[in-house]
Amino acid sequence: MTTLRAFGYVARESMDLAIYLWPISVVLAAAAIAALTFGFPLRDAYLRRKLPIVFIPYAMPIVIMGIGAVLRYDGPPHPQWVEPPEWRGWMLWSALAAHVLAVIAVVVLTRGARIRAAAVAVPSIWLSLSSGFTAGFAIAGVGP
């Protein structure tokens, strides 16, 4: 399996997981949409300038899927399965931790609209967790 096909597999399975757990996805998306619409926050010039910073964490799920695709298990199948190196899992966990730190940084940097920034950025953590779960399977060699 090529890296591009593995990325497609991880991305598809990640989104399937987010759709399967749709109540969580809907609540987080509704909170983000409400934060962007109630009270017309986009009329404020300061908030419009800070809005691109709020959307930066949404790139992290793509990075996590890429880590899962690049570090996927290429060893022998089930009967001769050998545990992959532990550092691969640590790479995935460090990306997840970096994402949480990025969301915290976004909230700190958006002075005056921190609650709105948190409401918009938190769904990206949910996408990273669903991507990280599937990427972890690819790294461990459990999936195809």
C-alpha atoms as a PDB file:
ATOM      1  CA  MET A   1       0.000   0.000   0.000  1.00  0.00           C
ATOM      2  CA  THR A   2       1.401   3.378  -0.954  1.00  0.00           C
ATOM      3  CA  THR A   3       1.547   6.291   1.453  1.00  0.00           C
ATOM      4  CA  LEU A   4      -1.105   8.189  -0.494  1.00  0.00           C
ATOM      5  CA  ARG A   5      -3.503   5.236  -0.360  1.00  0.00           C
ATOM      6  CA  ALA A   6      -2.752   4.804   3.338  1.00  0.00           C
ATOM      7  CA  PHE A   7      -3.507   8.508   3.905  1.00  0.00           C
ATOM      8  CA  GLY A   8      -6.804   8.098   2.069  1.00  0.00           C
ATOM      9  CA  TYR A   9      -7.654   5.067   4.172  1.00  0.00           C
ATOM     10  CA  VAL A  10      -6.817   6.835   7.444  1.00  0.00           C
ATOM     11  CA  ALA A  11      -8.769   9.941   6.370  1.00  0.00           C
ATOM     12  CA  ARG A  12     -11.820   7.935   5.318  1.00  0.00           C
ATOM     13  CA  GLU A  13     -11.858   5.855   8.481  1.00  0.00           C
ATOM     14  CA  SER A  14     -11.326   8.953  10.643  1.00  0.00           C
ATOM     15  CA  MET A  15     -14.312  10.698   9.148  1.00  0.00           C
ATOM     16  CA  ASP A  16     -16.350   7.487   9.407  1.00  0.00           C
ATOM     17  CA  LEU A  17     -15.568   7.451  13.136  1.00  0.00           C
ATOM     18  CA  ALA A  18     -16.586  11.109  13.510  1.00  0.00           C
ATOM     19  CA  ILE A  19     -19.831  10.371  11.676  1.00  0.00           C
ATOM     20  CA  TYR A  20     -20.448   7.195  13.700  1.00  0.00           C
ATOM     21  CA  LEU A  21     -20.164   9.253  16.890  1.00  0.00           C
ATOM     22  CA  TRP A  22     -22.376  11.936  15.378  1.00  0.00           C
ATOM     23  CA  PRO A  23     -23.866  13.275  18.644  1.00  0.00           C
ATOM     24  CA  ILE A  24     -20.445  14.537  19.739  1.00  0.00           C
ATOM     25  CA  SER A  25     -19.725  15.943  16.288  1.00  0.00           C
ATOM     26  CA  VAL A  26     -23.078  17.736  16.111  1.00  0.00           C
ATOM     27  CA  VAL A  27     -22.772  19.313  19.564  1.00  0.00           C
ATOM     28  CA  LEU A  28     -19.258  20.594  18.896  1.00  0.00           C
ATOM     29  CA  ALA A  29     -20.154  21.883  15.430  1.00  0.00           C
ATOM     30  CA  ALA A  30     -23.281  23.604  16.776  1.00  0.00           C
ATOM     31  CA  ALA A  31     -21.231  25.297  19.506  1.00  0.00           C
ATOM     32  CA  ALA A  32     -18.702  26.527  16.929  1.00  0.00           C
ATOM     33  CA  ILE A  33     -21.418  27.819  14.603  1.00  0.00           C
ATOM     34  CA  ALA A  34     -23.207  29.506  17.480  1.00  0.00           C
ATOM     35  CA  ALA A  35     -19.973  31.180  18.584  1.00  0.00           C
ATOM     36  CA  LEU A  36     -19.496  32.581  15.080  1.00  0.00           C
ATOM     37  CA  THR A  37     -23.083  33.783  14.615  1.00  0.00           C
ATOM     38  CA  PHE A  38     -24.684  34.894  17.907  1.00  0.00           C
ATOM     39  CA  GLY A  39     -24.132  38.549  18.625  1.00  0.00           C
ATOM     40  CA  PHE A  40     -22.662  39.196  15.162  1.00  0.00           C
ATOM     41  CA  PRO A  41     -19.021  38.839  16.246  1.00  0.00           C
ATOM     42  CA  LEU A  42     -17.710  39.049  12.689  1.00  0.00           C
ATOM     43  CA  ARG A  43     -18.705  42.732  12.495  1.00  0.00           C
ATOM     44  CA  ASP A  44     -15.880  43.524  14.903  1.00  0.00           C
ATOM     45  CA  ALA A  45     -12.685  44.309  12.970  1.00  0.00           C
ATOM     46  CA  TYR A  46     -10.464  42.967  15.761  1.00  0.00           C
ATOM     47  CA  LEU A  47     -12.187  39.583  15.660  1.00  0.00           C
ATOM     48  CA  ARG A  48     -12.025  39.410  11.874  1.00  0.00           C
ATOM     49  CA  ARG A  49      -8.243  39.903  12.062  1.00  0.00           C
ATOM     50  CA  LYS A  50      -7.908  37.141  14.674  1.00  0.00           C
ATOM     51  CA  LEU A  51     -10.182  34.663  12.873  1.00  0.00           C
ATOM     52  CA  PRO A  52      -7.413  33.060  10.742  1.00  0.00           C
ATOM     53  CA  ILE A  53      -5.492  32.294  13.948  1.00  0.00           C
ATOM     54  CA  VAL A  54      -8.542  30.464  15.297  1.00  0.00           C
ATOM     55  CA  PHE A  55      -8.676  28.175  12.256  1.00  0.00           C
ATOM     56  CA  ILE A  56      -4.980  27.171  12.356  1.00  0.00           C
ATOM     57  CA  PRO A  57      -5.629  24.153  14.657  1.00  0.00           C
ATOM     58  CA  TYR A  58      -7.811  22.619  11.951  1.00  0.00           C
ATOM     59  CA  ALA A  59      -4.622  21.726  10.063  1.00  0.00           C
ATOM     60  CA  MET A  60      -3.515  19.364  12.842  1.00  0.00           C
ATOM     61  CA  PRO A  61      -5.941  16.509  11.993  1.00  0.00           C
ATOM     62  CA  ILE A  62      -4.357  16.428   8.522  1.00  0.00           C
ATOM     63  CA  VAL A  63      -0.895  16.273  10.098  1.00  0.00           C
ATOM     64  CA  ILE A  64      -2.009  13.430  12.362  1.00  0.00           C
ATOM     65  CA  MET A  65      -3.457  11.499   9.426  1.00  0.00           C
ATOM     66  CA  GLY A  66      -0.164  12.059   7.594  1.00  0.00           C
ATOM     67  CA  ILE A  67       1.792  10.672  10.540  1.00  0.00           C
ATOM     68  CA  GLY A  68      -0.426   7.598  10.520  1.00  0.00           C
ATOM     69  CA  ALA A  69       0.065   7.136   6.779  1.00  0.00           C
ATOM     70  CA  VAL A  70       3.843   7.623   6.802  1.00  0.00           C
ATOM     71  CA  LEU A  71       4.500   5.507   9.910  1.00  0.00           C
ATOM     72  CA  ARG A  72       2.024   2.737   9.094  1.00  0.00           C
ATOM     73  CA  TYR A  73       2.979  -0.832   9.925  1.00  0.00           C
ATOM     74  CA  ASP A  74       4.605  -2.613   7.005  1.00  0.00           C
ATOM     75  CA  GLY A  75       5.557  -5.781   8.826  1.00  0.00           C
ATOM     76  CA  PRO A  76       4.267  -9.321   8.372  1.00  0.00           C
ATOM     77  CA  PRO A  77       0.542 -10.063   8.823  1.00  0.00           C
ATOM     78  CA  HIS A  78      -1.122 -11.642  11.857  1.00  0.00           C
ATOM     79  CA  PRO A  79       0.601 -14.977  12.492  1.00  0.00           C
ATOM     80  CA  GLN A  80       4.102 -13.477  12.288  1.00  0.00           C
ATOM     81  CA  TRP A  81       3.109 -10.028  13.604  1.00  0.00           C
ATOM     82  CA  VAL A  82       5.951  -8.150  15.260  1.00  0.00           C
ATOM     83  CA  GLU A  83       5.325  -5.138  17.475  1.00  0.00           C
ATOM     84  CA  PRO A  84       6.311  -1.894  15.712  1.00  0.00           C
ATOM     85  CA  PRO A  85       8.848   0.409  17.378  1.00  0.00           C
ATOM     86  CA  GLU A  86       7.477   2.410  20.273  1.00  0.00           C
ATOM     87  CA  TRP A  87       8.743   5.736  18.927  1.00  0.00           C
ATOM     88  CA  ARG A  88       6.077   5.648  16.222  1.00  0.00           C
ATOM     89  CA  GLY A  89       3.357   5.807  18.819  1.00  0.00           C
ATOM     90  CA  TRP A  90       5.163   8.601  20.634  1.00  0.00           C
ATOM     91  CA  MET A  91       5.245  10.616  17.409  1.00  0.00           C
ATOM     92  CA  LEU A  92       1.470  10.321  17.197  1.00  0.00           C
ATOM     93  CA  TRP A  93       0.949  11.255  20.855  1.00  0.00           C
ATOM     94  CA  SER A  94       3.299  14.210  20.565  1.00  0.00           C
ATOM     95  CA  ALA A  95       1.286  15.530  17.607  1.00  0.00           C
ATOM     96  CA  LEU A  96      -1.924  15.208  19.625  1.00  0.00           C
ATOM     97  CA  ALA A  97      -0.318  17.015  22.564  1.00  0.00           C
ATOM     98  CA  ALA A  98       0.981  19.742  20.253  1.00  0.00           C
ATOM     99  CA  HIS A  99      -2.525  20.215  18.942  1.00  0.00           C
ATOM    100  CA  VAL A 100      -3.945  20.709  22.420  1.00  0.00           C
ATOM    101  CA  LEU A 101      -1.184  23.234  23.121  1.00  0.00           C
ATOM    102  CA  ALA A 102      -1.986  25.017  19.841  1.00  0.00           C
ATOM    103  CA  VAL A 103      -5.644  25.349  20.839  1.00  0.00           C
ATOM    104  CA  ILE A 104      -4.601  26.733  24.225  1.00  0.00           C
ATOM    105  CA  ALA A 105      -2.309  29.214  22.451  1.00  0.00           C
ATOM    106  CA  VAL A 106      -5.147  30.303  20.160  1.00  0.00           C
ATOM    107  CA  VAL A 107      -7.374  30.941  23.145  1.00  0.00           C
ATOM    108  CA  VAL A 108      -4.645  32.959  24.861  1.00  0.00           C
ATOM    109  CA  LEU A 109      -3.828  34.986  21.735  1.00  0.00           C
ATOM    110  CA  THR A 110      -7.431  36.008  21.040  1.00  0.00           C
ATOM    111  CA  ARG A 111      -7.804  38.438  23.911  1.00  0.00           C
ATOM    112  CA  GLY A 112     -11.319  39.784  24.091  1.00  0.00           C
ATOM    113  CA  ALA A 113     -12.913  36.776  22.395  1.00  0.00           C
ATOM    114  CA  ARG A 114     -11.457  33.813  24.236  1.00  0.00           C
ATOM    115  CA  ILE A 115     -14.696  31.943  24.785  1.00  0.00           C
ATOM    116  CA  ARG A 116     -15.634  32.318  21.134  1.00  0.00           C
ATOM    117  CA  ALA A 117     -12.153  31.208  20.055  1.00  0.00           C
ATOM    118  CA  ALA A 118     -12.357  28.166  22.312  1.00  0.00           C
ATOM    119  CA  ALA A 119     -15.795  27.252  20.967  1.00  0.00           C
ATOM    120  CA  VAL A 120     -14.520  27.463  17.390  1.00  0.00           C
ATOM    121  CA  ALA A 121     -11.196  25.655  18.007  1.00  0.00           C
ATOM    122  CA  VAL A 122     -12.352  22.783  20.241  1.00  0.00           C
ATOM    123  CA  PRO A 123     -14.026  20.801  17.408  1.00  0.00           C
ATOM    124  CA  SER A 124     -10.584  20.519  15.825  1.00  0.00           C
ATOM    125  CA  ILE A 125      -9.472  18.536  18.885  1.00  0.00           C
ATOM    126  CA  TRP A 126     -12.361  16.143  18.314  1.00  0.00           C
ATOM    127  CA  LEU A 127     -11.285  15.705  14.691  1.00  0.00           C
ATOM    128  CA  SER A 128      -7.704  15.080  15.835  1.00  0.00           C
ATOM    129  CA  LEU A 129      -8.824  12.470  18.333  1.00  0.00           C
ATOM    130  CA  SER A 130     -10.844  10.603  15.724  1.00  0.00           C
ATOM    131  CA  SER A 131      -7.909  10.877  13.304  1.00  0.00           C
ATOM    132  CA  GLY A 132      -5.437   9.829  15.994  1.00  0.00           C
ATOM    133  CA  PHE A 133      -7.460   6.741  16.826  1.00  0.00           C
ATOM    134  CA  THR A 134      -7.402   5.551  13.218  1.00  0.00           C
ATOM    135  CA  ALA A 135      -3.778   6.601  12.700  1.00  0.00           C
ATOM    136  CA  GLY A 136      -2.877   4.595  15.804  1.00  0.00           C
ATOM    137  CA  PHE A 137      -4.456   1.529  14.231  1.00  0.00           C
ATOM    138  CA  ALA A 138      -2.449   2.080  11.069  1.00  0.00           C
ATOM    139  CA  ILE A 139       0.774   2.479  13.067  1.00  0.00           C
ATOM    140  CA  ALA A 140       0.051  -0.659  15.095  1.00  0.00           C
ATOM    141  CA  GLY A 141      -0.738  -2.657  11.959  1.00  0.00           C
ATOM    142  CA  VAL A 142      -4.273  -3.550  12.950  1.00  0.00           C
ATOM    143  CA  GLY A 143      -5.959  -2.110   9.848  1.00  0.00           C
ATOM    144  CA  PRO A 144      -5.303  -2.959   6.196  1.00  0.00           C
END
